[in-house]
PDB file of N, CA and C in Angstrom:
ATOM      1  N   MET A   1     118.316 119.247  92.786  1.00  0.00           N
ATOM      2  CA  MET A   1     117.807 120.634  93.327  1.00  0.00           C
ATOM      3  C   MET A   1     116.304 120.641  93.150  1.00  0.00           C
ATOM      4  N   LYS A   2     115.542 120.233  92.189  1.00  0.00           N
ATOM      5  CA  LYS A   2     114.046 120.528  92.677  1.00  0.00           C
ATOM      6  C   LYS A   2     113.366 119.796  93.362  1.00  0.00           C
ATOM      7  N   LYS A   3     113.708 118.670  94.218  1.00  0.00           N
ATOM      8  CA  LYS A   3     113.412 118.274  95.437  1.00  0.00           C
ATOM      9  C   LYS A   3     113.567 118.800  96.665  1.00  0.00           C
ATOM     10  N   ALA A   4     114.970 119.467  96.911  1.00  0.00           N
ATOM     11  CA  ALA A   4     115.201 120.398  97.684  1.00  0.00           C
ATOM     12  C   ALA A   4     114.146 121.645  97.983  1.00  0.00           C
ATOM     13  N   VAL A   5     114.201 122.182  96.734  1.00  0.00           N
ATOM     14  CA  VAL A   5     113.022 123.519  96.811  1.00  0.00           C
ATOM     15  C   VAL A   5     111.639 123.145  96.784  1.00  0.00           C
ATOM     16  N   ASN A   6     111.507 121.913  96.810  1.00  0.00           N
ATOM     17  CA  ASN A   6     110.036 121.642  96.864  1.00  0.00           C
ATOM     18  C   ASN A   6     110.019 121.420  98.379  1.00  0.00           C
ATOM     19  N   TRP A   7     110.768 120.898  98.896  1.00  0.00           N
ATOM     20  CA  TRP A   7     110.839 120.427 100.311  1.00  0.00           C
ATOM     21  C   TRP A   7     110.716 121.500 101.129  1.00  0.00           C
ATOM     22  N   ALA A   8     111.644 122.387 100.700  1.00  0.00           N
ATOM     23  CA  ALA A   8     111.594 123.822 101.648  1.00  0.00           C
ATOM     24  C   ALA A   8     110.513 124.579 101.535  1.00  0.00           C
ATOM     25  N   ILE A   9     110.034 124.632 100.369  1.00  0.00           N
ATOM     26  CA  ILE A   9     108.471 125.445 100.373  1.00  0.00           C
ATOM     27  C   ILE A   9     107.241 124.869 101.256  1.00  0.00           C
ATOM     28  N   ARG A  10     107.356 123.192 101.034  1.00  0.00           N
ATOM     29  CA  ARG A  10     106.402 122.831 102.013  1.00  0.00           C
ATOM     30  C   ARG A  10     106.579 123.002 103.197  1.00  0.00           C
ATOM     31  N   LYS A  11     107.664 122.470 103.838  1.00  0.00           N
ATOM     32  CA  LYS A  11     108.193 122.931 105.440  1.00  0.00           C
ATOM     33  C   LYS A  11     107.744 124.090 105.907  1.00  0.00           C
ATOM     34  N   ILE A  12     108.262 125.226 105.074  1.00  0.00           N
ATOM     35  CA  ILE A  12     107.787 126.591 105.204  1.00  0.00           C
ATOM     36  C   ILE A  12     106.089 126.860 105.453  1.00  0.00           C
ATOM     37  N   GLY A  13     105.582 126.393 104.419  1.00  0.00           N
ATOM     38  CA  GLY A  13     104.046 126.328 104.281  1.00  0.00           C
ATOM     39  C   GLY A  13     103.157 125.544 105.531  1.00  0.00           C
ATOM     40  N   ARG A  14     104.244 124.645 106.108  1.00  0.00           N
ATOM     41  CA  ARG A  14     103.440 124.111 107.471  1.00  0.00           C
ATOM     42  C   ARG A  14     103.501 124.749 108.583  1.00  0.00           C
ATOM     43  N   ARG A  15     104.287 125.843 108.713  1.00  0.00           N
ATOM     44  CA  ARG A  15     104.508 126.493 110.042  1.00  0.00           C
ATOM     45  C   ARG A  15     103.639 127.376 110.613  1.00  0.00           C
ATOM     46  N   SER A  16     102.588 127.994 109.767  1.00  0.00           N
ATOM     47  CA  SER A  16     101.534 128.699 110.363  1.00  0.00           C
ATOM     48  C   SER A  16     100.381 128.987 109.020  1.00  0.00           C
ATOM     49  N   ALA A  17      99.590 129.553 109.383  1.00  0.00           N
ATOM     50  CA  ALA A  17      98.620 129.850 108.533  1.00  0.00           C
ATOM     51  C   ALA A  17      98.896 130.914 107.324  1.00  0.00           C
ATOM     52  N   ALA A  18      99.708 132.206 107.982  1.00  0.00           N
ATOM     53  CA  ALA A  18     100.240 133.059 107.219  1.00  0.00           C
ATOM     54  C   ALA A  18     101.221 132.536 106.190  1.00  0.00           C
ATOM     55  N   LEU A  19     102.118 131.529 106.888  1.00  0.00           N
ATOM     56  CA  LEU A  19     102.896 131.235 105.738  1.00  0.00           C
ATOM     57  C   LEU A  19     102.775 130.172 104.891  1.00  0.00           C
ATOM     58  N   ASN A  20     101.559 129.411 105.213  1.00  0.00           N
ATOM     59  CA  ASN A  20     101.053 128.475 104.424  1.00  0.00           C
ATOM     60  C   ASN A  20     100.494 129.238 103.008  1.00  0.00           C
ATOM     61  N   ALA A  21      99.816 130.424 103.347  1.00  0.00           N
ATOM     62  CA  ALA A  21      99.239 131.465 102.279  1.00  0.00           C
ATOM     63  C   ALA A  21     100.454 131.827 101.299  1.00  0.00           C
ATOM     64  N   ALA A  22     101.311 132.179 101.992  1.00  0.00           N
ATOM     65  CA  ALA A  22     102.649 132.981 101.511  1.00  0.00           C
ATOM     66  C   ALA A  22     103.218 131.809 100.551  1.00  0.00           C
ATOM     67  N   ALA A  23     103.443 130.512 101.054  1.00  0.00           N
ATOM     68  CA  ALA A  23     103.890 129.263 100.313  1.00  0.00           C
ATOM     69  C   ALA A  23     102.996 128.998  99.067  1.00  0.00           C
ATOM     70  N   ILE A  24     101.912 129.047  99.255  1.00  0.00           N
ATOM     71  CA  ILE A  24     100.832 128.759  98.338  1.00  0.00           C
ATOM     72  C   ILE A  24     101.025 129.673  97.171  1.00  0.00           C
ATOM     73  N   ALA A  25     100.911 130.962  97.514  1.00  0.00           N
ATOM     74  CA  ALA A  25     101.086 131.967  96.419  1.00  0.00           C
ATOM     75  C   ALA A  25     102.440 132.091  95.640  1.00  0.00           C
ATOM     76  N   VAL A  26     103.643 132.001  96.325  1.00  0.00           N
ATOM     77  CA  VAL A  26     104.915 131.211  95.455  1.00  0.00           C
ATOM     78  C   VAL A  26     104.833 130.252  94.556  1.00  0.00           C
ATOM     79  N   ALA A  27     104.149 129.274  94.975  1.00  0.00           N
ATOM     80  CA  ALA A  27     104.137 127.843  94.258  1.00  0.00           C
ATOM     81  C   ALA A  27     102.955 127.970  93.106  1.00  0.00           C
ATOM     82  N   LYS A  28     102.042 128.795  93.232  1.00  0.00           N
ATOM     83  CA  LYS A  28     101.106 129.198  92.169  1.00  0.00           C
ATOM     84  C   LYS A  28     101.666 129.932  90.989  1.00  0.00           C
ATOM     85  N   ARG A  29     102.718 130.788  91.525  1.00  0.00           N
ATOM     86  CA  ARG A  29     103.575 131.205  90.318  1.00  0.00           C
ATOM     87  C   ARG A  29     104.527 130.877  89.405  1.00  0.00           C
ATOM     88  N   LEU A  30     104.934 129.585  90.216  1.00  0.00           N
ATOM     89  CA  LEU A  30     105.870 128.965  89.534  1.00  0.00           C
ATOM     90  C   LEU A  30     105.805 128.080  88.139  1.00  0.00           C
ATOM     91  N   PRO A  31     104.480 127.750  88.146  1.00  0.00           N
ATOM     92  CA  PRO A  31     103.993 127.087  86.898  1.00  0.00           C
ATOM     93  C   PRO A  31     104.156 128.076  85.870  1.00  0.00           C
ATOM     94  N   THR A  32     103.887 129.287  85.997  1.00  0.00           N
ATOM     95  CA  THR A  32     104.368 130.274  84.787  1.00  0.00           C
ATOM     96  C   THR A  32     105.223 130.507  84.234  1.00  0.00           C
ATOM     97  N   SER A  33     106.689 129.941  84.761  1.00  0.00           N
ATOM     98  CA  SER A  33     107.775 129.837  84.317  1.00  0.00           C
ATOM     99  C   SER A  33     108.304 128.954  83.080  1.00  0.00           C
ATOM    100  N   ASP A  34     108.833 129.446  82.208  1.00  0.00           N
ATOM    101  CA  ASP A  34     109.268 128.450  81.124  1.00  0.00           C
ATOM    102  C   ASP A  34     110.000 127.268  81.795  1.00  0.00           C
ATOM    103  N   SER A  35     110.614 126.883  83.043  1.00  0.00           N
ATOM    104  CA  SER A  35     111.277 125.979  83.486  1.00  0.00           C
ATOM    105  C   SER A  35     110.231 124.840  83.855  1.00  0.00           C
ATOM    106  N   ARG A  36     110.949 123.700  83.196  1.00  0.00           N
ATOM    107  CA  ARG A  36     110.093 122.437  83.562  1.00  0.00           C
ATOM    108  C   ARG A  36     110.177 122.285  85.116  1.00  0.00           C
ATOM    109  N   THR A  37     111.282 122.208  85.653  1.00  0.00           N
ATOM    110  CA  THR A  37     111.421 122.047  87.036  1.00  0.00           C
ATOM    111  C   THR A  37     110.666 122.925  87.706  1.00  0.00           C
ATOM    112  N   ALA A  38     110.625 124.433  87.489  1.00  0.00           N
ATOM    113  CA  ALA A  38     109.564 125.376  88.460  1.00  0.00           C
ATOM    114  C   ALA A  38     108.122 124.919  88.177  1.00  0.00           C
ATOM    115  N   CYS A  39     107.765 124.395  87.004  1.00  0.00           N
ATOM    116  CA  CYS A  39     106.268 123.921  87.028  1.00  0.00           C
ATOM    117  C   CYS A  39     106.170 122.736  87.892  1.00  0.00           C
ATOM    118  N   TRP A  40     107.103 121.617  87.707  1.00  0.00           N
ATOM    119  CA  TRP A  40     106.993 120.605  88.637  1.00  0.00           C
ATOM    120  C   TRP A  40     107.017 121.045  90.018  1.00  0.00           C
ATOM    121  N   VAL A  41     107.757 121.798  90.596  1.00  0.00           N
ATOM    122  CA  VAL A  41     107.906 122.016  92.049  1.00  0.00           C
ATOM    123  C   VAL A  41     106.787 122.452  92.462  1.00  0.00           C
ATOM    124  N   GLY A  42     106.121 123.607  91.578  1.00  0.00           N
ATOM    125  CA  GLY A  42     104.851 124.563  91.973  1.00  0.00           C
ATOM    126  C   GLY A  42     103.706 123.709  91.929  1.00  0.00           C
ATOM    127  N   SER A  43     103.539 122.713  90.943  1.00  0.00           N
ATOM    128  CA  SER A  43     102.369 121.885  90.866  1.00  0.00           C
ATOM    129  C   SER A  43     102.274 121.016  92.320  1.00  0.00           C
ATOM    130  N   GLY A  44     103.464 120.340  92.652  1.00  0.00           N
ATOM    131  CA  GLY A  44     103.664 119.138  93.673  1.00  0.00           C
ATOM    132  C   GLY A  44     103.286 120.026  95.040  1.00  0.00           C
ATOM    133  N   THR A  45     103.756 121.205  95.222  1.00  0.00           N
ATOM    134  CA  THR A  45     103.879 122.088  96.149  1.00  0.00           C
ATOM    135  C   THR A  45     102.410 122.427  96.767  1.00  0.00           C
ATOM    136  N   VAL A  46     101.613 122.836  95.633  1.00  0.00           N
ATOM    137  CA  VAL A  46     100.337 123.536  95.778  1.00  0.00           C
ATOM    138  C   VAL A  46      99.273 122.542  96.312  1.00  0.00           C
ATOM    139  N   ARG A  47      99.836 121.247  95.408  1.00  0.00           N
ATOM    140  CA  ARG A  47      98.819 119.913  95.469  1.00  0.00           C
ATOM    141  C   ARG A  47      98.867 119.749  97.167  1.00  0.00           C
ATOM    142  N   GLU A  48     100.392 119.756  97.955  1.00  0.00           N
ATOM    143  CA  GLU A  48     100.239 119.378  99.316  1.00  0.00           C
ATOM    144  C   GLU A  48      99.811 120.229 100.135  1.00  0.00           C
ATOM    145  N   LEU A  49     100.118 121.725  99.952  1.00  0.00           N
ATOM    146  CA  LEU A  49      99.690 122.645 100.727  1.00  0.00           C
ATOM    147  C   LEU A  49      98.224 122.957 100.742  1.00  0.00           C
ATOM    148  N   THR A  50      97.619 122.465  99.970  1.00  0.00           N
ATOM    149  CA  THR A  50      96.019 123.035  99.917  1.00  0.00           C
ATOM    150  C   THR A  50      95.206 121.609 100.348  1.00  0.00           C
ATOM    151  N   SER A  51      96.011 120.397 100.507  1.00  0.00           N
ATOM    152  CA  SER A  51      95.500 119.227 100.945  1.00  0.00           C
ATOM    153  C   SER A  51      94.688 119.420 102.411  1.00  0.00           C
ATOM    154  N   ALA A  52      93.906 118.578 102.754  1.00  0.00           N
ATOM    155  CA  ALA A  52      93.175 118.339 104.019  1.00  0.00           C
ATOM    156  C   ALA A  52      93.909 118.324 105.256  1.00  0.00           C
ATOM    157  N   LYS A  53      95.076 117.233 104.749  1.00  0.00           N
ATOM    158  CA  LYS A  53      96.162 116.819 105.857  1.00  0.00           C
ATOM    159  C   LYS A  53      96.800 118.188 106.516  1.00  0.00           C
ATOM    160  N   ILE A  54      97.185 119.188 105.605  1.00  0.00           N
ATOM    161  CA  ILE A  54      97.683 120.474 105.867  1.00  0.00           C
ATOM    162  C   ILE A  54      96.878 121.207 106.797  1.00  0.00           C
ATOM    163  N   ALA A  55      95.603 121.273 106.269  1.00  0.00           N
ATOM    164  CA  ALA A  55      94.827 122.094 106.511  1.00  0.00           C
ATOM    165  C   ALA A  55      94.238 121.893 108.094  1.00  0.00           C
ATOM    166  N   GLN A  56      94.814 120.587 108.853  1.00  0.00           N
ATOM    167  CA  GLN A  56      94.342 120.605 110.103  1.00  0.00           C
ATOM    168  C   GLN A  56      95.288 121.227 110.588  1.00  0.00           C
ATOM    169  N   TYR A  57      96.592 121.599 110.365  1.00  0.00           N
ATOM    170  CA  TYR A  57      97.642 122.333 111.328  1.00  0.00           C
ATOM    171  C   TYR A  57      97.087 123.782 111.751  1.00  0.00           C
TER     172      TYR A  57
END
């Protein structure tokens, strides 16, 4: 399940600059959760959506 959530947030974040900012905001909130899965999803998603490769879109 965690891979599906990670994939979905990343895909949404790649659609436009506005959605990228929203997806990053959601991903940054996830690590504050007590869930290890949420922390994993949040950290991986933030890392990818803030990368130089994604910034080119």
